């Protein structure tokens, strides 16, 4: 069977797909599990290195280059503090996938038993972090307007992938019921969004009330200590 023909676009798409699936993208692991992808990405006709391929796909290579297998309690705490200081959202579901080794170590019973306890042991206010992630209707509208001002794509597929928090919050029936309705309420040109957005069964148009809705489902916030295999 002939081998797959790789192009730069196909390589980038595959790297993003593997990341969404929670695959370990460190060079040591990807060379073992996806050797053809790894070799093609590193070829001079494509990116020349795995680092360049990762960066072309929009990822910070330094977050993937080492997968630490053994941790100490203090190393876990230091890393959590470091990531927080760098501005990472420690409660983002994507964070636990991108930092799988740290996350699972923190959740291990021999260390902290949950992500919440690890964050608090690092001297950080987990509850305040959680509250700061609450999406009100006003926050949804302001964020959409900011994205529009920045010239960001506003199609539902792009927003679902790159800004999943606001996308899920906007589609809640107690907020706007659909992404298109949220765009309209924000006064943004609806033509910038895909018309093929999955439609909520009870689309509701509500303007700028301040009814708080969690940005993420508590079940996936982090204390279940599970990541995709």
C-alpha atoms as a PDB file:
ATOM      1  CA  UNK A   1       0.000   0.000   0.000  1.00  0.00           C
ATOM      2  CA  UNK A   2       1.557   3.327  -1.024  1.00  0.00           C
ATOM      3  CA  UNK A   3       2.592   5.674   1.749  1.00  0.00           C
ATOM      4  CA  UNK A   4       0.643   8.818   2.497  1.00  0.00           C
ATOM      5  CA  UNK A   5       1.714  11.912   0.572  1.00  0.00           C
ATOM      6  CA  UNK A   6       2.301  14.753   3.022  1.00  0.00           C
ATOM      7  CA  UNK A   7       2.052  18.457   2.302  1.00  0.00           C
ATOM      8  CA  UNK A   8       2.655  21.249   4.783  1.00  0.00           C
ATOM      9  CA  UNK A   9      -1.086  21.838   5.119  1.00  0.00           C
ATOM     10  CA  UNK A  10      -1.775  18.147   5.701  1.00  0.00           C
ATOM     11  CA  UNK A  11       0.973  17.961   8.301  1.00  0.00           C
ATOM     12  CA  UNK A  12      -0.420  20.948  10.176  1.00  0.00           C
ATOM     13  CA  UNK A  13      -3.949  19.537  10.017  1.00  0.00           C
ATOM     14  CA  UNK A  14      -2.767  16.174  11.341  1.00  0.00           C
ATOM     15  CA  UNK A  15      -0.820  17.741  14.208  1.00  0.00           C
ATOM     16  CA  UNK A  16      -3.899  19.731  15.235  1.00  0.00           C
ATOM     17  CA  UNK A  17      -6.080  16.639  14.976  1.00  0.00           C
ATOM     18  CA  UNK A  18      -3.727  14.611  17.182  1.00  0.00           C
ATOM     19  CA  UNK A  19      -3.646  17.427  19.718  1.00  0.00           C
ATOM     20  CA  UNK A  20      -7.460  17.520  19.880  1.00  0.00           C
ATOM     21  CA  UNK A  21      -7.382  13.785  20.507  1.00  0.00           C
ATOM     22  CA  UNK A  22      -4.991  14.250  23.411  1.00  0.00           C
ATOM     23  CA  UNK A  23      -2.023  12.539  21.756  1.00  0.00           C
ATOM     24  CA  UNK A  24       1.381  13.203  23.322  1.00  0.00           C
ATOM     25  CA  UNK A  25       3.131  15.501  20.827  1.00  0.00           C
ATOM     26  CA  UNK A  26       6.555  15.485  22.433  1.00  0.00           C
ATOM     27  CA  UNK A  27       9.214  14.530  19.846  1.00  0.00           C
ATOM     28  CA  UNK A  28      10.225  11.345  21.650  1.00  0.00           C
ATOM     29  CA  UNK A  29       6.643  10.099  21.766  1.00  0.00           C
ATOM     30  CA  UNK A  30       5.522  11.201  18.289  1.00  0.00           C
ATOM     31  CA  UNK A  31       8.576   9.624  16.696  1.00  0.00           C
ATOM     32  CA  UNK A  32       7.547   6.334  18.256  1.00  0.00           C
ATOM     33  CA  UNK A  33       3.795   6.504  17.606  1.00  0.00           C
ATOM     34  CA  UNK A  34       3.609   8.438  14.306  1.00  0.00           C
ATOM     35  CA  UNK A  35       6.992   7.965  12.672  1.00  0.00           C
ATOM     36  CA  UNK A  36       5.853   8.885   9.140  1.00  0.00           C
ATOM     37  CA  UNK A  37       4.356  12.169  10.334  1.00  0.00           C
ATOM     38  CA  UNK A  38       7.460  12.949  12.384  1.00  0.00           C
ATOM     39  CA  UNK A  39       9.874  12.187   9.538  1.00  0.00           C
ATOM     40  CA  UNK A  40       7.885  14.138   6.963  1.00  0.00           C
ATOM     41  CA  UNK A  41       7.583  17.174   9.216  1.00  0.00           C
ATOM     42  CA  UNK A  42      11.349  17.181   9.755  1.00  0.00           C
ATOM     43  CA  UNK A  43      12.219  16.830   6.088  1.00  0.00           C
ATOM     44  CA  UNK A  44      13.898  19.804   4.407  1.00  0.00           C
ATOM     45  CA  UNK A  45      11.056  20.017   1.887  1.00  0.00           C
ATOM     46  CA  UNK A  46       8.563  20.650   4.684  1.00  0.00           C
ATOM     47  CA  UNK A  47       9.495  22.241   8.037  1.00  0.00           C
ATOM     48  CA  UNK A  48      13.006  20.977   8.701  1.00  0.00           C
ATOM     49  CA  UNK A  49      12.320  20.227  12.355  1.00  0.00           C
ATOM     50  CA  UNK A  50       9.541  19.048  14.643  1.00  0.00           C
ATOM     51  CA  UNK A  51       9.755  22.358  16.514  1.00  0.00           C
ATOM     52  CA  UNK A  52       9.055  24.317  13.319  1.00  0.00           C
ATOM     53  CA  UNK A  53       6.153  22.018  12.438  1.00  0.00           C
ATOM     54  CA  UNK A  54       4.619  22.454  15.902  1.00  0.00           C
ATOM     55  CA  UNK A  55       4.997  26.214  15.752  1.00  0.00           C
ATOM     56  CA  UNK A  56       3.465  26.307  12.259  1.00  0.00           C
ATOM     57  CA  UNK A  57       0.480  24.477  13.747  1.00  0.00           C
ATOM     58  CA  UNK A  58       0.176  27.219  16.357  1.00  0.00           C
ATOM     59  CA  UNK A  59       1.659  25.431  19.372  1.00  0.00           C
ATOM     60  CA  UNK A  60       4.380  26.430  21.817  1.00  0.00           C
ATOM     61  CA  UNK A  61       6.987  23.743  21.283  1.00  0.00           C
ATOM     62  CA  UNK A  62       8.479  24.248  24.735  1.00  0.00           C
ATOM     63  CA  UNK A  63       5.239  23.002  26.298  1.00  0.00           C
ATOM     64  CA  UNK A  64       5.640  19.677  24.498  1.00  0.00           C
ATOM     65  CA  UNK A  65       9.337  19.006  24.104  1.00  0.00           C
ATOM     66  CA  UNK A  66       9.720  17.195  27.403  1.00  0.00           C
ATOM     67  CA  UNK A  67       7.234  14.843  28.952  1.00  0.00           C
ATOM     68  CA  UNK A  68       8.257  14.473  32.556  1.00  0.00           C
ATOM     69  CA  UNK A  69       7.606  10.982  33.866  1.00  0.00           C
ATOM     70  CA  UNK A  70       8.364  11.424  37.569  1.00  0.00           C
ATOM     71  CA  UNK A  71       7.477  14.398  39.712  1.00  0.00           C
ATOM     72  CA  UNK A  72       7.971  15.494  43.297  1.00  0.00           C
ATOM     73  CA  UNK A  73       5.361  17.471  45.214  1.00  0.00           C
ATOM     74  CA  UNK A  74       7.520  20.590  45.133  1.00  0.00           C
ATOM     75  CA  UNK A  75       8.142  20.282  41.381  1.00  0.00           C
ATOM     76  CA  UNK A  76       4.392  20.081  40.788  1.00  0.00           C
ATOM     77  CA  UNK A  77       3.761  23.177  42.895  1.00  0.00           C
ATOM     78  CA  UNK A  78       6.588  25.124  41.277  1.00  0.00           C
ATOM     79  CA  UNK A  79       5.328  24.268  37.808  1.00  0.00           C
ATOM     80  CA  UNK A  80       1.751  25.310  38.667  1.00  0.00           C
ATOM     81  CA  UNK A  81       3.017  28.639  40.005  1.00  0.00           C
ATOM     82  CA  UNK A  82       5.170  29.119  36.915  1.00  0.00           C
ATOM     83  CA  UNK A  83       2.311  28.406  34.512  1.00  0.00           C
ATOM     84  CA  UNK A  84       0.016  30.742  36.435  1.00  0.00           C
ATOM     85  CA  UNK A  85       2.645  33.509  36.378  1.00  0.00           C
ATOM     86  CA  UNK A  86       2.906  33.073  32.598  1.00  0.00           C
ATOM     87  CA  UNK A  87      -0.815  33.773  32.293  1.00  0.00           C
ATOM     88  CA  UNK A  88      -2.043  30.258  31.532  1.00  0.00           C
ATOM     89  CA  UNK A  89      -5.664  29.515  32.413  1.00  0.00           C
ATOM     90  CA  UNK A  90      -5.228  26.646  34.855  1.00  0.00           C
ATOM     91  CA  UNK A  91      -8.923  25.723  34.680  1.00  0.00           C
ATOM     92  CA  UNK A  92      -9.150  25.556  30.896  1.00  0.00           C
ATOM     93  CA  UNK A  93      -9.966  21.959  29.859  1.00  0.00           C
ATOM     94  CA  UNK A  94      -7.340  22.331  27.136  1.00  0.00           C
ATOM     95  CA  UNK A  95      -4.686  23.029  29.752  1.00  0.00           C
ATOM     96  CA  UNK A  96      -4.861  19.499  31.176  1.00  0.00           C
ATOM     97  CA  UNK A  97      -4.368  18.023  27.699  1.00  0.00           C
ATOM     98  CA  UNK A  98      -1.458  20.279  26.830  1.00  0.00           C
ATOM     99  CA  UNK A  99       0.124  19.630  30.223  1.00  0.00           C
ATOM    100  CA  UNK A 100      -0.946  16.038  30.643  1.00  0.00           C
ATOM    101  CA  UNK A 101       2.016  14.855  32.705  1.00  0.00           C
ATOM    102  CA  UNK A 102       1.757  17.695  35.230  1.00  0.00           C
ATOM    103  CA  UNK A 103      -2.012  17.372  35.486  1.00  0.00           C
ATOM    104  CA  UNK A 104      -2.043  13.625  36.081  1.00  0.00           C
ATOM    105  CA  UNK A 105       0.811  13.836  38.571  1.00  0.00           C
ATOM    106  CA  UNK A 106      -1.060  16.484  40.569  1.00  0.00           C
ATOM    107  CA  UNK A 107      -4.188  14.333  40.554  1.00  0.00           C
ATOM    108  CA  UNK A 108      -2.336  11.225  41.721  1.00  0.00           C
ATOM    109  CA  UNK A 109      -3.379  10.126  45.226  1.00  0.00           C
ATOM    110  CA  UNK A 110       0.234  10.031  46.394  1.00  0.00           C
ATOM    111  CA  UNK A 111       0.503  13.753  45.668  1.00  0.00           C
ATOM    112  CA  UNK A 112      -2.630  15.923  45.871  1.00  0.00           C
ATOM    113  CA  UNK A 113      -5.511  13.761  44.705  1.00  0.00           C
ATOM    114  CA  UNK A 114      -7.165  16.508  42.645  1.00  0.00           C
ATOM    115  CA  UNK A 115      -6.243  19.496  40.535  1.00  0.00           C
ATOM    116  CA  UNK A 116      -8.107  21.849  42.865  1.00  0.00           C
ATOM    117  CA  UNK A 117      -6.055  20.738  45.873  1.00  0.00           C
ATOM    118  CA  UNK A 118      -2.819  21.041  43.894  1.00  0.00           C
ATOM    119  CA  UNK A 119      -3.687  24.584  42.788  1.00  0.00           C
ATOM    120  CA  UNK A 120      -4.576  25.585  46.342  1.00  0.00           C
ATOM    121  CA  UNK A 121      -1.413  23.950  47.717  1.00  0.00           C
ATOM    122  CA  UNK A 122       0.522  26.164  45.291  1.00  0.00           C
ATOM    123  CA  UNK A 123      -0.925  29.158  47.128  1.00  0.00           C
ATOM    124  CA  UNK A 124      -3.447  30.080  44.437  1.00  0.00           C
ATOM    125  CA  UNK A 125      -7.144  30.837  44.902  1.00  0.00           C
ATOM    126  CA  UNK A 126      -8.960  28.146  42.930  1.00  0.00           C
ATOM    127  CA  UNK A 127     -12.403  29.548  43.730  1.00  0.00           C
ATOM    128  CA  UNK A 128     -11.479  33.026  42.537  1.00  0.00           C
ATOM    129  CA  UNK A 129     -10.124  31.513  39.317  1.00  0.00           C
ATOM    130  CA  UNK A 130     -13.403  29.689  38.855  1.00  0.00           C
ATOM    131  CA  UNK A 131     -15.471  32.821  39.466  1.00  0.00           C
ATOM    132  CA  UNK A 132     -13.392  34.768  36.948  1.00  0.00           C
ATOM    133  CA  UNK A 133     -14.412  32.237  34.300  1.00  0.00           C
ATOM    134  CA  UNK A 134     -18.131  32.946  34.692  1.00  0.00           C
ATOM    135  CA  UNK A 135     -19.695  34.167  31.448  1.00  0.00           C
ATOM    136  CA  UNK A 136     -22.442  36.733  31.876  1.00  0.00           C
ATOM    137  CA  UNK A 137     -24.407  37.946  28.884  1.00  0.00           C
ATOM    138  CA  UNK A 138     -22.639  41.287  29.152  1.00  0.00           C
ATOM    139  CA  UNK A 139     -19.230  39.628  29.132  1.00  0.00           C
ATOM    140  CA  UNK A 140     -20.211  37.533  26.113  1.00  0.00           C
ATOM    141  CA  UNK A 141     -21.236  40.654  24.174  1.00  0.00           C
ATOM    142  CA  UNK A 142     -18.123  42.611  25.134  1.00  0.00           C
ATOM    143  CA  UNK A 143     -15.870  39.718  24.173  1.00  0.00           C
ATOM    144  CA  UNK A 144     -17.541  39.317  20.775  1.00  0.00           C
ATOM    145  CA  UNK A 145     -17.122  43.033  20.138  1.00  0.00           C
ATOM    146  CA  UNK A 146     -13.459  42.825  21.149  1.00  0.00           C
ATOM    147  CA  UNK A 147     -12.899  39.887  18.798  1.00  0.00           C
ATOM    148  CA  UNK A 148     -14.568  41.807  15.975  1.00  0.00           C
ATOM    149  CA  UNK A 149     -12.413  44.878  16.657  1.00  0.00           C
ATOM    150  CA  UNK A 150      -9.304  42.666  16.547  1.00  0.00           C
ATOM    151  CA  UNK A 151     -10.404  41.338  13.160  1.00  0.00           C
ATOM    152  CA  UNK A 152     -10.669  37.746  14.410  1.00  0.00           C
ATOM    153  CA  UNK A 153     -12.751  35.250  12.399  1.00  0.00           C
ATOM    154  CA  UNK A 154     -16.229  34.957  13.882  1.00  0.00           C
ATOM    155  CA  UNK A 155     -17.480  31.832  12.102  1.00  0.00           C
ATOM    156  CA  UNK A 156     -18.878  29.328  14.585  1.00  0.00           C
ATOM    157  CA  UNK A 157     -16.401  26.582  13.595  1.00  0.00           C
ATOM    158  CA  UNK A 158     -13.404  28.835  14.267  1.00  0.00           C
ATOM    159  CA  UNK A 159     -14.835  30.114  17.556  1.00  0.00           C
ATOM    160  CA  UNK A 160     -15.766  26.603  18.716  1.00  0.00           C
ATOM    161  CA  UNK A 161     -12.157  25.483  18.207  1.00  0.00           C
ATOM    162  CA  UNK A 162     -10.279  28.576  19.388  1.00  0.00           C
ATOM    163  CA  UNK A 163     -12.693  30.198  21.880  1.00  0.00           C
ATOM    164  CA  UNK A 164     -14.765  27.257  23.175  1.00  0.00           C
ATOM    165  CA  UNK A 165     -15.701  28.959  26.452  1.00  0.00           C
ATOM    166  CA  UNK A 166     -17.575  31.859  24.901  1.00  0.00           C
ATOM    167  CA  UNK A 167     -19.040  29.637  22.182  1.00  0.00           C
ATOM    168  CA  UNK A 168     -20.620  27.233  24.687  1.00  0.00           C
ATOM    169  CA  UNK A 169     -21.793  30.068  26.934  1.00  0.00           C
ATOM    170  CA  UNK A 170     -23.376  32.020  24.060  1.00  0.00           C
ATOM    171  CA  UNK A 171     -25.313  28.938  22.913  1.00  0.00           C
ATOM    172  CA  UNK A 172     -26.853  28.256  26.311  1.00  0.00           C
ATOM    173  CA  UNK A 173     -30.599  28.791  26.148  1.00  0.00           C
ATOM    174  CA  UNK A 174     -30.445  31.103  29.194  1.00  0.00           C
ATOM    175  CA  UNK A 175     -28.085  33.368  27.243  1.00  0.00           C
ATOM    176  CA  UNK A 176     -28.579  33.689  23.466  1.00  0.00           C
ATOM    177  CA  UNK A 177     -29.388  30.162  22.322  1.00  0.00           C
ATOM    178  CA  UNK A 178     -27.074  30.270  19.317  1.00  0.00           C
ATOM    179  CA  UNK A 179     -23.831  31.845  18.190  1.00  0.00           C
ATOM    180  CA  UNK A 180     -25.611  33.745  15.410  1.00  0.00           C
ATOM    181  CA  UNK A 181     -28.039  35.257  17.927  1.00  0.00           C
ATOM    182  CA  UNK A 182     -25.141  36.321  20.150  1.00  0.00           C
ATOM    183  CA  UNK A 183     -23.467  38.037  17.176  1.00  0.00           C
ATOM    184  CA  UNK A 184     -26.686  39.870  16.385  1.00  0.00           C
ATOM    185  CA  UNK A 185     -27.082  40.995  20.012  1.00  0.00           C
ATOM    186  CA  UNK A 186     -23.494  42.252  19.973  1.00  0.00           C
ATOM    187  CA  UNK A 187     -24.222  44.319  16.883  1.00  0.00           C
ATOM    188  CA  UNK A 188     -21.746  42.379  14.778  1.00  0.00           C
ATOM    189  CA  UNK A 189     -22.274  41.686  11.088  1.00  0.00           C
ATOM    190  CA  UNK A 190     -23.796  38.211  10.986  1.00  0.00           C
ATOM    191  CA  UNK A 191     -22.334  37.575   7.542  1.00  0.00           C
ATOM    192  CA  UNK A 192     -18.986  36.983   9.265  1.00  0.00           C
ATOM    193  CA  UNK A 193     -20.384  33.794  10.815  1.00  0.00           C
ATOM    194  CA  UNK A 194     -21.097  30.505   9.081  1.00  0.00           C
ATOM    195  CA  UNK A 195     -24.765  29.938   8.339  1.00  0.00           C
ATOM    196  CA  UNK A 196     -24.321  26.217   8.996  1.00  0.00           C
ATOM    197  CA  UNK A 197     -23.966  26.609  12.758  1.00  0.00           C
ATOM    198  CA  UNK A 198     -25.609  23.771  14.718  1.00  0.00           C
ATOM    199  CA  UNK A 199     -28.912  25.235  15.846  1.00  0.00           C
ATOM    200  CA  UNK A 200     -30.014  25.130  19.491  1.00  0.00           C
ATOM    201  CA  UNK A 201     -33.524  23.794  19.839  1.00  0.00           C
ATOM    202  CA  UNK A 202     -34.677  26.794  21.893  1.00  0.00           C
ATOM    203  CA  UNK A 203     -32.880  29.843  20.558  1.00  0.00           C
ATOM    204  CA  UNK A 204     -33.492  32.727  22.896  1.00  0.00           C
ATOM    205  CA  UNK A 205     -32.674  36.358  22.212  1.00  0.00           C
ATOM    206  CA  UNK A 206     -31.850  38.137  25.457  1.00  0.00           C
ATOM    207  CA  UNK A 207     -29.879  41.339  25.525  1.00  0.00           C
ATOM    208  CA  UNK A 208     -27.351  42.455  28.098  1.00  0.00           C
ATOM    209  CA  UNK A 209     -28.699  41.007  31.337  1.00  0.00           C
ATOM    210  CA  UNK A 210     -26.085  39.834  33.842  1.00  0.00           C
ATOM    211  CA  UNK A 211     -27.248  36.291  34.519  1.00  0.00           C
ATOM    212  CA  UNK A 212     -24.005  34.427  35.344  1.00  0.00           C
ATOM    213  CA  UNK A 213     -23.406  31.135  33.593  1.00  0.00           C
ATOM    214  CA  UNK A 214     -20.303  28.997  34.205  1.00  0.00           C
ATOM    215  CA  UNK A 215     -17.791  29.243  31.378  1.00  0.00           C
ATOM    216  CA  UNK A 216     -17.247  25.514  31.599  1.00  0.00           C
ATOM    217  CA  UNK A 217     -19.198  22.579  32.888  1.00  0.00           C
ATOM    218  CA  UNK A 218     -18.056  21.794  36.450  1.00  0.00           C
ATOM    219  CA  UNK A 219     -17.823  18.145  35.425  1.00  0.00           C
ATOM    220  CA  UNK A 220     -14.918  18.940  33.118  1.00  0.00           C
ATOM    221  CA  UNK A 221     -13.358  21.726  35.129  1.00  0.00           C
ATOM    222  CA  UNK A 222     -10.433  19.654  36.260  1.00  0.00           C
ATOM    223  CA  UNK A 223     -11.159  17.766  39.460  1.00  0.00           C
ATOM    224  CA  UNK A 224     -12.276  14.618  37.665  1.00  0.00           C
ATOM    225  CA  UNK A 225      -8.592  14.097  36.822  1.00  0.00           C
ATOM    226  CA  UNK A 226      -9.256  12.564  33.422  1.00  0.00           C
ATOM    227  CA  UNK A 227      -7.717  13.362  30.073  1.00  0.00           C
ATOM    228  CA  UNK A 228      -8.223  11.807  26.690  1.00  0.00           C
ATOM    229  CA  UNK A 229      -6.037   8.812  26.022  1.00  0.00           C
END
